[in-house]
Amino acid sequence: SLNRMYANAILPEGSDYTFWGKGVS
């Protein structure tokens, strides 16, 4: 969450991507 927020504040024009894994859900 923090990294999404920092990145959005620094680069207001752009796209977010979150990938999870490889890992056990």
PDBML (XML) file of the C-alpha atoms, coordinates in Angstrom:
<?xml version="1.0" encoding="UTF-8" ?>
<PDBx:datablock datablockName="MODEL"
   xmlns:PDBx="http://pdbml.pdb.org/schema/pdbx-v50.xsd"
   xmlns:xsi="http://www.w3.org/2001/XMLSchema-instance"
   xsi:schemaLocation="http://pdbml.pdb.org/schema/pdbx-v50.xsd pdbx-v50.xsd">
   <PDBx:atom_siteCategory>
      <PDBx:atom_site id="1">
         <PDBx:B_iso_or_equiv>0.00</PDBx:B_iso_or_equiv>
         <PDBx:Cartn_x>0.000</PDBx:Cartn_x>
         <PDBx:Cartn_y>0.000</PDBx:Cartn_y>
         <PDBx:Cartn_z>0.000</PDBx:Cartn_z>
         <PDBx:auth_asym_id>A</PDBx:auth_asym_id>
         <PDBx:auth_atom_id>CA</PDBx:auth_atom_id>
         <PDBx:auth_comp_id>SER</PDBx:auth_comp_id>
         <PDBx:auth_seq_id>1</PDBx:auth_seq_id>
         <PDBx:group_PDB>ATOM</PDBx:group_PDB>
         <PDBx:label_alt_id xsi:nil="true" />
         <PDBx:label_asym_id>A</PDBx:label_asym_id>
         <PDBx:label_atom_id>CA</PDBx:label_atom_id>
         <PDBx:label_comp_id>SER</PDBx:label_comp_id>
         <PDBx:label_entity_id>1</PDBx:label_entity_id>
         <PDBx:label_seq_id>1</PDBx:label_seq_id>
         <PDBx:occupancy>1.00</PDBx:occupancy>
         <PDBx:pdbx_PDB_model_num>1</PDBx:pdbx_PDB_model_num>
         <PDBx:type_symbol>C</PDBx:type_symbol>
      </PDBx:atom_site>
      <PDBx:atom_site id="2">
         <PDBx:B_iso_or_equiv>0.00</PDBx:B_iso_or_equiv>
         <PDBx:Cartn_x>2.783</PDBx:Cartn_x>
         <PDBx:Cartn_y>2.408</PDBx:Cartn_y>
         <PDBx:Cartn_z>0.926</PDBx:Cartn_z>
         <PDBx:auth_asym_id>A</PDBx:auth_asym_id>
         <PDBx:auth_atom_id>CA</PDBx:auth_atom_id>
         <PDBx:auth_comp_id>LEU</PDBx:auth_comp_id>
         <PDBx:auth_seq_id>2</PDBx:auth_seq_id>
         <PDBx:group_PDB>ATOM</PDBx:group_PDB>
         <PDBx:label_alt_id xsi:nil="true" />
         <PDBx:label_asym_id>A</PDBx:label_asym_id>
         <PDBx:label_atom_id>CA</PDBx:label_atom_id>
         <PDBx:label_comp_id>LEU</PDBx:label_comp_id>
         <PDBx:label_entity_id>1</PDBx:label_entity_id>
         <PDBx:label_seq_id>2</PDBx:label_seq_id>
         <PDBx:occupancy>1.00</PDBx:occupancy>
         <PDBx:pdbx_PDB_model_num>1</PDBx:pdbx_PDB_model_num>
         <PDBx:type_symbol>C</PDBx:type_symbol>
      </PDBx:atom_site>
      <PDBx:atom_site id="3">
         <PDBx:B_iso_or_equiv>0.00</PDBx:B_iso_or_equiv>
         <PDBx:Cartn_x>4.636</PDBx:Cartn_x>
         <PDBx:Cartn_y>1.746</PDBx:Cartn_y>
         <PDBx:Cartn_z>-2.293</PDBx:Cartn_z>
         <PDBx:auth_asym_id>A</PDBx:auth_asym_id>
         <PDBx:auth_atom_id>CA</PDBx:auth_atom_id>
         <PDBx:auth_comp_id>ASN</PDBx:auth_comp_id>
         <PDBx:auth_seq_id>3</PDBx:auth_seq_id>
         <PDBx:group_PDB>ATOM</PDBx:group_PDB>
         <PDBx:label_alt_id xsi:nil="true" />
         <PDBx:label_asym_id>A</PDBx:label_asym_id>
         <PDBx:label_atom_id>CA</PDBx:label_atom_id>
         <PDBx:label_comp_id>ASN</PDBx:label_comp_id>
         <PDBx:label_entity_id>1</PDBx:label_entity_id>
         <PDBx:label_seq_id>3</PDBx:label_seq_id>
         <PDBx:occupancy>1.00</PDBx:occupancy>
         <PDBx:pdbx_PDB_model_num>1</PDBx:pdbx_PDB_model_num>
         <PDBx:type_symbol>C</PDBx:type_symbol>
      </PDBx:atom_site>
      <PDBx:atom_site id="4">
         <PDBx:B_iso_or_equiv>0.00</PDBx:B_iso_or_equiv>
         <PDBx:Cartn_x>1.500</PDBx:Cartn_x>
         <PDBx:Cartn_y>2.272</PDBx:Cartn_y>
         <PDBx:Cartn_z>-4.372</PDBx:Cartn_z>
         <PDBx:auth_asym_id>A</PDBx:auth_asym_id>
         <PDBx:auth_atom_id>CA</PDBx:auth_atom_id>
         <PDBx:auth_comp_id>ARG</PDBx:auth_comp_id>
         <PDBx:auth_seq_id>4</PDBx:auth_seq_id>
         <PDBx:group_PDB>ATOM</PDBx:group_PDB>
         <PDBx:label_alt_id xsi:nil="true" />
         <PDBx:label_asym_id>A</PDBx:label_asym_id>
         <PDBx:label_atom_id>CA</PDBx:label_atom_id>
         <PDBx:label_comp_id>ARG</PDBx:label_comp_id>
         <PDBx:label_entity_id>1</PDBx:label_entity_id>
         <PDBx:label_seq_id>4</PDBx:label_seq_id>
         <PDBx:occupancy>1.00</PDBx:occupancy>
         <PDBx:pdbx_PDB_model_num>1</PDBx:pdbx_PDB_model_num>
         <PDBx:type_symbol>C</PDBx:type_symbol>
      </PDBx:atom_site>
      <PDBx:atom_site id="5">
         <PDBx:B_iso_or_equiv>0.00</PDBx:B_iso_or_equiv>
         <PDBx:Cartn_x>0.907</PDBx:Cartn_x>
         <PDBx:Cartn_y>5.591</PDBx:Cartn_y>
         <PDBx:Cartn_z>-2.591</PDBx:Cartn_z>
         <PDBx:auth_asym_id>A</PDBx:auth_asym_id>
         <PDBx:auth_atom_id>CA</PDBx:auth_atom_id>
         <PDBx:auth_comp_id>MET</PDBx:auth_comp_id>
         <PDBx:auth_seq_id>5</PDBx:auth_seq_id>
         <PDBx:group_PDB>ATOM</PDBx:group_PDB>
         <PDBx:label_alt_id xsi:nil="true" />
         <PDBx:label_asym_id>A</PDBx:label_asym_id>
         <PDBx:label_atom_id>CA</PDBx:label_atom_id>
         <PDBx:label_comp_id>MET</PDBx:label_comp_id>
         <PDBx:label_entity_id>1</PDBx:label_entity_id>
         <PDBx:label_seq_id>5</PDBx:label_seq_id>
         <PDBx:occupancy>1.00</PDBx:occupancy>
         <PDBx:pdbx_PDB_model_num>1</PDBx:pdbx_PDB_model_num>
         <PDBx:type_symbol>C</PDBx:type_symbol>
      </PDBx:atom_site>
      <PDBx:atom_site id="6">
         <PDBx:B_iso_or_equiv>0.00</PDBx:B_iso_or_equiv>
         <PDBx:Cartn_x>4.501</PDBx:Cartn_x>
         <PDBx:Cartn_y>6.823</PDBx:Cartn_y>
         <PDBx:Cartn_z>-2.883</PDBx:Cartn_z>
         <PDBx:auth_asym_id>A</PDBx:auth_asym_id>
         <PDBx:auth_atom_id>CA</PDBx:auth_atom_id>
         <PDBx:auth_comp_id>TYR</PDBx:auth_comp_id>
         <PDBx:auth_seq_id>6</PDBx:auth_seq_id>
         <PDBx:group_PDB>ATOM</PDBx:group_PDB>
         <PDBx:label_alt_id xsi:nil="true" />
         <PDBx:label_asym_id>A</PDBx:label_asym_id>
         <PDBx:label_atom_id>CA</PDBx:label_atom_id>
         <PDBx:label_comp_id>TYR</PDBx:label_comp_id>
         <PDBx:label_entity_id>1</PDBx:label_entity_id>
         <PDBx:label_seq_id>6</PDBx:label_seq_id>
         <PDBx:occupancy>1.00</PDBx:occupancy>
         <PDBx:pdbx_PDB_model_num>1</PDBx:pdbx_PDB_model_num>
         <PDBx:type_symbol>C</PDBx:type_symbol>
      </PDBx:atom_site>
      <PDBx:atom_site id="7">
         <PDBx:B_iso_or_equiv>0.00</PDBx:B_iso_or_equiv>
         <PDBx:Cartn_x>4.638</PDBx:Cartn_x>
         <PDBx:Cartn_y>5.909</PDBx:Cartn_y>
         <PDBx:Cartn_z>-6.579</PDBx:Cartn_z>
         <PDBx:auth_asym_id>A</PDBx:auth_asym_id>
         <PDBx:auth_atom_id>CA</PDBx:auth_atom_id>
         <PDBx:auth_comp_id>ALA</PDBx:auth_comp_id>
         <PDBx:auth_seq_id>7</PDBx:auth_seq_id>
         <PDBx:group_PDB>ATOM</PDBx:group_PDB>
         <PDBx:label_alt_id xsi:nil="true" />
         <PDBx:label_asym_id>A</PDBx:label_asym_id>
         <PDBx:label_atom_id>CA</PDBx:label_atom_id>
         <PDBx:label_comp_id>ALA</PDBx:label_comp_id>
         <PDBx:label_entity_id>1</PDBx:label_entity_id>
         <PDBx:label_seq_id>7</PDBx:label_seq_id>
         <PDBx:occupancy>1.00</PDBx:occupancy>
         <PDBx:pdbx_PDB_model_num>1</PDBx:pdbx_PDB_model_num>
         <PDBx:type_symbol>C</PDBx:type_symbol>
      </PDBx:atom_site>
      <PDBx:atom_site id="8">
         <PDBx:B_iso_or_equiv>0.00</PDBx:B_iso_or_equiv>
         <PDBx:Cartn_x>1.324</PDBx:Cartn_x>
         <PDBx:Cartn_y>7.628</PDBx:Cartn_y>
         <PDBx:Cartn_z>-7.332</PDBx:Cartn_z>
         <PDBx:auth_asym_id>A</PDBx:auth_asym_id>
         <PDBx:auth_atom_id>CA</PDBx:auth_atom_id>
         <PDBx:auth_comp_id>ASN</PDBx:auth_comp_id>
         <PDBx:auth_seq_id>8</PDBx:auth_seq_id>
         <PDBx:group_PDB>ATOM</PDBx:group_PDB>
         <PDBx:label_alt_id xsi:nil="true" />
         <PDBx:label_asym_id>A</PDBx:label_asym_id>
         <PDBx:label_atom_id>CA</PDBx:label_atom_id>
         <PDBx:label_comp_id>ASN</PDBx:label_comp_id>
         <PDBx:label_entity_id>1</PDBx:label_entity_id>
         <PDBx:label_seq_id>8</PDBx:label_seq_id>
         <PDBx:occupancy>1.00</PDBx:occupancy>
         <PDBx:pdbx_PDB_model_num>1</PDBx:pdbx_PDB_model_num>
         <PDBx:type_symbol>C</PDBx:type_symbol>
      </PDBx:atom_site>
      <PDBx:atom_site id="9">
         <PDBx:B_iso_or_equiv>0.00</PDBx:B_iso_or_equiv>
         <PDBx:Cartn_x>2.468</PDBx:Cartn_x>
         <PDBx:Cartn_y>10.788</PDBx:Cartn_y>
         <PDBx:Cartn_z>-5.566</PDBx:Cartn_z>
         <PDBx:auth_asym_id>A</PDBx:auth_asym_id>
         <PDBx:auth_atom_id>CA</PDBx:auth_atom_id>
         <PDBx:auth_comp_id>ALA</PDBx:auth_comp_id>
         <PDBx:auth_seq_id>9</PDBx:auth_seq_id>
         <PDBx:group_PDB>ATOM</PDBx:group_PDB>
         <PDBx:label_alt_id xsi:nil="true" />
         <PDBx:label_asym_id>A</PDBx:label_asym_id>
         <PDBx:label_atom_id>CA</PDBx:label_atom_id>
         <PDBx:label_comp_id>ALA</PDBx:label_comp_id>
         <PDBx:label_entity_id>1</PDBx:label_entity_id>
         <PDBx:label_seq_id>9</PDBx:label_seq_id>
         <PDBx:occupancy>1.00</PDBx:occupancy>
         <PDBx:pdbx_PDB_model_num>1</PDBx:pdbx_PDB_model_num>
         <PDBx:type_symbol>C</PDBx:type_symbol>
      </PDBx:atom_site>
      <PDBx:atom_site id="10">
         <PDBx:B_iso_or_equiv>0.00</PDBx:B_iso_or_equiv>
         <PDBx:Cartn_x>5.752</PDBx:Cartn_x>
         <PDBx:Cartn_y>10.846</PDBx:Cartn_y>
         <PDBx:Cartn_z>-7.495</PDBx:Cartn_z>
         <PDBx:auth_asym_id>A</PDBx:auth_asym_id>
         <PDBx:auth_atom_id>CA</PDBx:auth_atom_id>
         <PDBx:auth_comp_id>ILE</PDBx:auth_comp_id>
         <PDBx:auth_seq_id>10</PDBx:auth_seq_id>
         <PDBx:group_PDB>ATOM</PDBx:group_PDB>
         <PDBx:label_alt_id xsi:nil="true" />
         <PDBx:label_asym_id>A</PDBx:label_asym_id>
         <PDBx:label_atom_id>CA</PDBx:label_atom_id>
         <PDBx:label_comp_id>ILE</PDBx:label_comp_id>
         <PDBx:label_entity_id>1</PDBx:label_entity_id>
         <PDBx:label_seq_id>10</PDBx:label_seq_id>
         <PDBx:occupancy>1.00</PDBx:occupancy>
         <PDBx:pdbx_PDB_model_num>1</PDBx:pdbx_PDB_model_num>
         <PDBx:type_symbol>C</PDBx:type_symbol>
      </PDBx:atom_site>
      <PDBx:atom_site id="11">
         <PDBx:B_iso_or_equiv>0.00</PDBx:B_iso_or_equiv>
         <PDBx:Cartn_x>4.345</PDBx:Cartn_x>
         <PDBx:Cartn_y>9.860</PDBx:Cartn_y>
         <PDBx:Cartn_z>-10.910</PDBx:Cartn_z>
         <PDBx:auth_asym_id>A</PDBx:auth_asym_id>
         <PDBx:auth_atom_id>CA</PDBx:auth_atom_id>
         <PDBx:auth_comp_id>LEU</PDBx:auth_comp_id>
         <PDBx:auth_seq_id>11</PDBx:auth_seq_id>
         <PDBx:group_PDB>ATOM</PDBx:group_PDB>
         <PDBx:label_alt_id xsi:nil="true" />
         <PDBx:label_asym_id>A</PDBx:label_asym_id>
         <PDBx:label_atom_id>CA</PDBx:label_atom_id>
         <PDBx:label_comp_id>LEU</PDBx:label_comp_id>
         <PDBx:label_entity_id>1</PDBx:label_entity_id>
         <PDBx:label_seq_id>11</PDBx:label_seq_id>
         <PDBx:occupancy>1.00</PDBx:occupancy>
         <PDBx:pdbx_PDB_model_num>1</PDBx:pdbx_PDB_model_num>
         <PDBx:type_symbol>C</PDBx:type_symbol>
      </PDBx:atom_site>
      <PDBx:atom_site id="12">
         <PDBx:B_iso_or_equiv>0.00</PDBx:B_iso_or_equiv>
         <PDBx:Cartn_x>0.785</PDBx:Cartn_x>
         <PDBx:Cartn_y>11.241</PDBx:Cartn_y>
         <PDBx:Cartn_z>-11.006</PDBx:Cartn_z>
         <PDBx:auth_asym_id>A</PDBx:auth_asym_id>
         <PDBx:auth_atom_id>CA</PDBx:auth_atom_id>
         <PDBx:auth_comp_id>PRO</PDBx:auth_comp_id>
         <PDBx:auth_seq_id>12</PDBx:auth_seq_id>
         <PDBx:group_PDB>ATOM</PDBx:group_PDB>
         <PDBx:label_alt_id xsi:nil="true" />
         <PDBx:label_asym_id>A</PDBx:label_asym_id>
         <PDBx:label_atom_id>CA</PDBx:label_atom_id>
         <PDBx:label_comp_id>PRO</PDBx:label_comp_id>
         <PDBx:label_entity_id>1</PDBx:label_entity_id>
         <PDBx:label_seq_id>12</PDBx:label_seq_id>
         <PDBx:occupancy>1.00</PDBx:occupancy>
         <PDBx:pdbx_PDB_model_num>1</PDBx:pdbx_PDB_model_num>
         <PDBx:type_symbol>C</PDBx:type_symbol>
      </PDBx:atom_site>
      <PDBx:atom_site id="13">
         <PDBx:B_iso_or_equiv>0.00</PDBx:B_iso_or_equiv>
         <PDBx:Cartn_x>0.419</PDBx:Cartn_x>
         <PDBx:Cartn_y>10.293</PDBx:Cartn_y>
         <PDBx:Cartn_z>-14.666</PDBx:Cartn_z>
         <PDBx:auth_asym_id>A</PDBx:auth_asym_id>
         <PDBx:auth_atom_id>CA</PDBx:auth_atom_id>
         <PDBx:auth_comp_id>GLU</PDBx:auth_comp_id>
         <PDBx:auth_seq_id>13</PDBx:auth_seq_id>
         <PDBx:group_PDB>ATOM</PDBx:group_PDB>
         <PDBx:label_alt_id xsi:nil="true" />
         <PDBx:label_asym_id>A</PDBx:label_asym_id>
         <PDBx:label_atom_id>CA</PDBx:label_atom_id>
         <PDBx:label_comp_id>GLU</PDBx:label_comp_id>
         <PDBx:label_entity_id>1</PDBx:label_entity_id>
         <PDBx:label_seq_id>13</PDBx:label_seq_id>
         <PDBx:occupancy>1.00</PDBx:occupancy>
         <PDBx:pdbx_PDB_model_num>1</PDBx:pdbx_PDB_model_num>
         <PDBx:type_symbol>C</PDBx:type_symbol>
      </PDBx:atom_site>
      <PDBx:atom_site id="14">
         <PDBx:B_iso_or_equiv>0.00</PDBx:B_iso_or_equiv>
         <PDBx:Cartn_x>0.795</PDBx:Cartn_x>
         <PDBx:Cartn_y>6.548</PDBx:Cartn_y>
         <PDBx:Cartn_z>-15.034</PDBx:Cartn_z>
         <PDBx:auth_asym_id>A</PDBx:auth_asym_id>
         <PDBx:auth_atom_id>CA</PDBx:auth_atom_id>
         <PDBx:auth_comp_id>GLY</PDBx:auth_comp_id>
         <PDBx:auth_seq_id>14</PDBx:auth_seq_id>
         <PDBx:group_PDB>ATOM</PDBx:group_PDB>
         <PDBx:label_alt_id xsi:nil="true" />
         <PDBx:label_asym_id>A</PDBx:label_asym_id>
         <PDBx:label_atom_id>CA</PDBx:label_atom_id>
         <PDBx:label_comp_id>GLY</PDBx:label_comp_id>
         <PDBx:label_entity_id>1</PDBx:label_entity_id>
         <PDBx:label_seq_id>14</PDBx:label_seq_id>
         <PDBx:occupancy>1.00</PDBx:occupancy>
         <PDBx:pdbx_PDB_model_num>1</PDBx:pdbx_PDB_model_num>
         <PDBx:type_symbol>C</PDBx:type_symbol>
      </PDBx:atom_site>
      <PDBx:atom_site id="15">
         <PDBx:B_iso_or_equiv>0.00</PDBx:B_iso_or_equiv>
         <PDBx:Cartn_x>-0.598</PDBx:Cartn_x>
         <PDBx:Cartn_y>3.096</PDBx:Cartn_y>
         <PDBx:Cartn_z>-14.352</PDBx:Cartn_z>
         <PDBx:auth_asym_id>A</PDBx:auth_asym_id>
         <PDBx:auth_atom_id>CA</PDBx:auth_atom_id>
         <PDBx:auth_comp_id>SER</PDBx:auth_comp_id>
         <PDBx:auth_seq_id>15</PDBx:auth_seq_id>
         <PDBx:group_PDB>ATOM</PDBx:group_PDB>
         <PDBx:label_alt_id xsi:nil="true" />
         <PDBx:label_asym_id>A</PDBx:label_asym_id>
         <PDBx:label_atom_id>CA</PDBx:label_atom_id>
         <PDBx:label_comp_id>SER</PDBx:label_comp_id>
         <PDBx:label_entity_id>1</PDBx:label_entity_id>
         <PDBx:label_seq_id>15</PDBx:label_seq_id>
         <PDBx:occupancy>1.00</PDBx:occupancy>
         <PDBx:pdbx_PDB_model_num>1</PDBx:pdbx_PDB_model_num>
         <PDBx:type_symbol>C</PDBx:type_symbol>
      </PDBx:atom_site>
      <PDBx:atom_site id="16">
         <PDBx:B_iso_or_equiv>0.00</PDBx:B_iso_or_equiv>
         <PDBx:Cartn_x>-0.470</PDBx:Cartn_x>
         <PDBx:Cartn_y>0.824</PDBx:Cartn_y>
         <PDBx:Cartn_z>-11.291</PDBx:Cartn_z>
         <PDBx:auth_asym_id>A</PDBx:auth_asym_id>
         <PDBx:auth_atom_id>CA</PDBx:auth_atom_id>
         <PDBx:auth_comp_id>ASP</PDBx:auth_comp_id>
         <PDBx:auth_seq_id>16</PDBx:auth_seq_id>
         <PDBx:group_PDB>ATOM</PDBx:group_PDB>
         <PDBx:label_alt_id xsi:nil="true" />
         <PDBx:label_asym_id>A</PDBx:label_asym_id>
         <PDBx:label_atom_id>CA</PDBx:label_atom_id>
         <PDBx:label_comp_id>ASP</PDBx:label_comp_id>
         <PDBx:label_entity_id>1</PDBx:label_entity_id>
         <PDBx:label_seq_id>16</PDBx:label_seq_id>
         <PDBx:occupancy>1.00</PDBx:occupancy>
         <PDBx:pdbx_PDB_model_num>1</PDBx:pdbx_PDB_model_num>
         <PDBx:type_symbol>C</PDBx:type_symbol>
      </PDBx:atom_site>
      <PDBx:atom_site id="17">
         <PDBx:B_iso_or_equiv>0.00</PDBx:B_iso_or_equiv>
         <PDBx:Cartn_x>0.152</PDBx:Cartn_x>
         <PDBx:Cartn_y>-2.910</PDBx:Cartn_y>
         <PDBx:Cartn_z>-11.374</PDBx:Cartn_z>
         <PDBx:auth_asym_id>A</PDBx:auth_asym_id>
         <PDBx:auth_atom_id>CA</PDBx:auth_atom_id>
         <PDBx:auth_comp_id>TYR</PDBx:auth_comp_id>
         <PDBx:auth_seq_id>17</PDBx:auth_seq_id>
         <PDBx:group_PDB>ATOM</PDBx:group_PDB>
         <PDBx:label_alt_id xsi:nil="true" />
         <PDBx:label_asym_id>A</PDBx:label_asym_id>
         <PDBx:label_atom_id>CA</PDBx:label_atom_id>
         <PDBx:label_comp_id>TYR</PDBx:label_comp_id>
         <PDBx:label_entity_id>1</PDBx:label_entity_id>
         <PDBx:label_seq_id>17</PDBx:label_seq_id>
         <PDBx:occupancy>1.00</PDBx:occupancy>
         <PDBx:pdbx_PDB_model_num>1</PDBx:pdbx_PDB_model_num>
         <PDBx:type_symbol>C</PDBx:type_symbol>
      </PDBx:atom_site>
      <PDBx:atom_site id="18">
         <PDBx:B_iso_or_equiv>0.00</PDBx:B_iso_or_equiv>
         <PDBx:Cartn_x>0.220</PDBx:Cartn_x>
         <PDBx:Cartn_y>-5.388</PDBx:Cartn_y>
         <PDBx:Cartn_z>-8.502</PDBx:Cartn_z>
         <PDBx:auth_asym_id>A</PDBx:auth_asym_id>
         <PDBx:auth_atom_id>CA</PDBx:auth_atom_id>
         <PDBx:auth_comp_id>THR</PDBx:auth_comp_id>
         <PDBx:auth_seq_id>18</PDBx:auth_seq_id>
         <PDBx:group_PDB>ATOM</PDBx:group_PDB>
         <PDBx:label_alt_id xsi:nil="true" />
         <PDBx:label_asym_id>A</PDBx:label_asym_id>
         <PDBx:label_atom_id>CA</PDBx:label_atom_id>
         <PDBx:label_comp_id>THR</PDBx:label_comp_id>
         <PDBx:label_entity_id>1</PDBx:label_entity_id>
         <PDBx:label_seq_id>18</PDBx:label_seq_id>
         <PDBx:occupancy>1.00</PDBx:occupancy>
         <PDBx:pdbx_PDB_model_num>1</PDBx:pdbx_PDB_model_num>
         <PDBx:type_symbol>C</PDBx:type_symbol>
      </PDBx:atom_site>
      <PDBx:atom_site id="19">
         <PDBx:B_iso_or_equiv>0.00</PDBx:B_iso_or_equiv>
         <PDBx:Cartn_x>1.265</PDBx:Cartn_x>
         <PDBx:Cartn_y>-9.010</PDBx:Cartn_y>
         <PDBx:Cartn_z>-8.974</PDBx:Cartn_z>
         <PDBx:auth_asym_id>A</PDBx:auth_asym_id>
         <PDBx:auth_atom_id>CA</PDBx:auth_atom_id>
         <PDBx:auth_comp_id>PHE</PDBx:auth_comp_id>
         <PDBx:auth_seq_id>19</PDBx:auth_seq_id>
         <PDBx:group_PDB>ATOM</PDBx:group_PDB>
         <PDBx:label_alt_id xsi:nil="true" />
         <PDBx:label_asym_id>A</PDBx:label_asym_id>
         <PDBx:label_atom_id>CA</PDBx:label_atom_id>
         <PDBx:label_comp_id>PHE</PDBx:label_comp_id>
         <PDBx:label_entity_id>1</PDBx:label_entity_id>
         <PDBx:label_seq_id>19</PDBx:label_seq_id>
         <PDBx:occupancy>1.00</PDBx:occupancy>
         <PDBx:pdbx_PDB_model_num>1</PDBx:pdbx_PDB_model_num>
         <PDBx:type_symbol>C</PDBx:type_symbol>
      </PDBx:atom_site>
      <PDBx:atom_site id="20">
         <PDBx:B_iso_or_equiv>0.00</PDBx:B_iso_or_equiv>
         <PDBx:Cartn_x>1.103</PDBx:Cartn_x>
         <PDBx:Cartn_y>-11.578</PDBx:Cartn_y>
         <PDBx:Cartn_z>-6.155</PDBx:Cartn_z>
         <PDBx:auth_asym_id>A</PDBx:auth_asym_id>
         <PDBx:auth_atom_id>CA</PDBx:auth_atom_id>
         <PDBx:auth_comp_id>TRP</PDBx:auth_comp_id>
         <PDBx:auth_seq_id>20</PDBx:auth_seq_id>
         <PDBx:group_PDB>ATOM</PDBx:group_PDB>
         <PDBx:label_alt_id xsi:nil="true" />
         <PDBx:label_asym_id>A</PDBx:label_asym_id>
         <PDBx:label_atom_id>CA</PDBx:label_atom_id>
         <PDBx:label_comp_id>TRP</PDBx:label_comp_id>
         <PDBx:label_entity_id>1</PDBx:label_entity_id>
         <PDBx:label_seq_id>20</PDBx:label_seq_id>
         <PDBx:occupancy>1.00</PDBx:occupancy>
         <PDBx:pdbx_PDB_model_num>1</PDBx:pdbx_PDB_model_num>
         <PDBx:type_symbol>C</PDBx:type_symbol>
      </PDBx:atom_site>
      <PDBx:atom_site id="21">
         <PDBx:B_iso_or_equiv>0.00</PDBx:B_iso_or_equiv>
         <PDBx:Cartn_x>3.221</PDBx:Cartn_x>
         <PDBx:Cartn_y>-14.694</PDBx:Cartn_y>
         <PDBx:Cartn_z>-5.979</PDBx:Cartn_z>
         <PDBx:auth_asym_id>A</PDBx:auth_asym_id>
         <PDBx:auth_atom_id>CA</PDBx:auth_atom_id>
         <PDBx:auth_comp_id>GLY</PDBx:auth_comp_id>
         <PDBx:auth_seq_id>21</PDBx:auth_seq_id>
         <PDBx:group_PDB>ATOM</PDBx:group_PDB>
         <PDBx:label_alt_id xsi:nil="true" />
         <PDBx:label_asym_id>A</PDBx:label_asym_id>
         <PDBx:label_atom_id>CA</PDBx:label_atom_id>
         <PDBx:label_comp_id>GLY</PDBx:label_comp_id>
         <PDBx:label_entity_id>1</PDBx:label_entity_id>
         <PDBx:label_seq_id>21</PDBx:label_seq_id>
         <PDBx:occupancy>1.00</PDBx:occupancy>
         <PDBx:pdbx_PDB_model_num>1</PDBx:pdbx_PDB_model_num>
         <PDBx:type_symbol>C</PDBx:type_symbol>
      </PDBx:atom_site>
      <PDBx:atom_site id="22">
         <PDBx:B_iso_or_equiv>0.00</PDBx:B_iso_or_equiv>
         <PDBx:Cartn_x>4.604</PDBx:Cartn_x>
         <PDBx:Cartn_y>-17.106</PDBx:Cartn_y>
         <PDBx:Cartn_z>-6.573</PDBx:Cartn_z>
         <PDBx:auth_asym_id>A</PDBx:auth_asym_id>
         <PDBx:auth_atom_id>CA</PDBx:auth_atom_id>
         <PDBx:auth_comp_id>LYS</PDBx:auth_comp_id>
         <PDBx:auth_seq_id>22</PDBx:auth_seq_id>
         <PDBx:group_PDB>ATOM</PDBx:group_PDB>
         <PDBx:label_alt_id xsi:nil="true" />
         <PDBx:label_asym_id>A</PDBx:label_asym_id>
         <PDBx:label_atom_id>CA</PDBx:label_atom_id>
         <PDBx:label_comp_id>LYS</PDBx:label_comp_id>
         <PDBx:label_entity_id>1</PDBx:label_entity_id>
         <PDBx:label_seq_id>22</PDBx:label_seq_id>
         <PDBx:occupancy>1.00</PDBx:occupancy>
         <PDBx:pdbx_PDB_model_num>1</PDBx:pdbx_PDB_model_num>
         <PDBx:type_symbol>C</PDBx:type_symbol>
      </PDBx:atom_site>
      <PDBx:atom_site id="23">
         <PDBx:B_iso_or_equiv>0.00</PDBx:B_iso_or_equiv>
         <PDBx:Cartn_x>3.159</PDBx:Cartn_x>
         <PDBx:Cartn_y>-18.043</PDBx:Cartn_y>
         <PDBx:Cartn_z>-3.234</PDBx:Cartn_z>
         <PDBx:auth_asym_id>A</PDBx:auth_asym_id>
         <PDBx:auth_atom_id>CA</PDBx:auth_atom_id>
         <PDBx:auth_comp_id>GLY</PDBx:auth_comp_id>
         <PDBx:auth_seq_id>23</PDBx:auth_seq_id>
         <PDBx:group_PDB>ATOM</PDBx:group_PDB>
         <PDBx:label_alt_id xsi:nil="true" />
         <PDBx:label_asym_id>A</PDBx:label_asym_id>
         <PDBx:label_atom_id>CA</PDBx:label_atom_id>
         <PDBx:label_comp_id>GLY</PDBx:label_comp_id>
         <PDBx:label_entity_id>1</PDBx:label_entity_id>
         <PDBx:label_seq_id>23</PDBx:label_seq_id>
         <PDBx:occupancy>1.00</PDBx:occupancy>
         <PDBx:pdbx_PDB_model_num>1</PDBx:pdbx_PDB_model_num>
         <PDBx:type_symbol>C</PDBx:type_symbol>
      </PDBx:atom_site>
      <PDBx:atom_site id="24">
         <PDBx:B_iso_or_equiv>0.00</PDBx:B_iso_or_equiv>
         <PDBx:Cartn_x>0.651</PDBx:Cartn_x>
         <PDBx:Cartn_y>-20.003</PDBx:Cartn_y>
         <PDBx:Cartn_z>-1.211</PDBx:Cartn_z>
         <PDBx:auth_asym_id>A</PDBx:auth_asym_id>
         <PDBx:auth_atom_id>CA</PDBx:auth_atom_id>
         <PDBx:auth_comp_id>VAL</PDBx:auth_comp_id>
         <PDBx:auth_seq_id>24</PDBx:auth_seq_id>
         <PDBx:group_PDB>ATOM</PDBx:group_PDB>
         <PDBx:label_alt_id xsi:nil="true" />
         <PDBx:label_asym_id>A</PDBx:label_asym_id>
         <PDBx:label_atom_id>CA</PDBx:label_atom_id>
         <PDBx:label_comp_id>VAL</PDBx:label_comp_id>
         <PDBx:label_entity_id>1</PDBx:label_entity_id>
         <PDBx:label_seq_id>24</PDBx:label_seq_id>
         <PDBx:occupancy>1.00</PDBx:occupancy>
         <PDBx:pdbx_PDB_model_num>1</PDBx:pdbx_PDB_model_num>
         <PDBx:type_symbol>C</PDBx:type_symbol>
      </PDBx:atom_site>
      <PDBx:atom_site id="25">
         <PDBx:B_iso_or_equiv>0.00</PDBx:B_iso_or_equiv>
         <PDBx:Cartn_x>-2.800</PDBx:Cartn_x>
         <PDBx:Cartn_y>-18.451</PDBx:Cartn_y>
         <PDBx:Cartn_z>-0.934</PDBx:Cartn_z>
         <PDBx:auth_asym_id>A</PDBx:auth_asym_id>
         <PDBx:auth_atom_id>CA</PDBx:auth_atom_id>
         <PDBx:auth_comp_id>SER</PDBx:auth_comp_id>
         <PDBx:auth_seq_id>25</PDBx:auth_seq_id>
         <PDBx:group_PDB>ATOM</PDBx:group_PDB>
         <PDBx:label_alt_id xsi:nil="true" />
         <PDBx:label_asym_id>A</PDBx:label_asym_id>
         <PDBx:label_atom_id>CA</PDBx:label_atom_id>
         <PDBx:label_comp_id>SER</PDBx:label_comp_id>
         <PDBx:label_entity_id>1</PDBx:label_entity_id>
         <PDBx:label_seq_id>25</PDBx:label_seq_id>
         <PDBx:occupancy>1.00</PDBx:occupancy>
         <PDBx:pdbx_PDB_model_num>1</PDBx:pdbx_PDB_model_num>
         <PDBx:type_symbol>C</PDBx:type_symbol>
      </PDBx:atom_site>
   </PDBx:atom_siteCategory>
</PDBx:datablock>
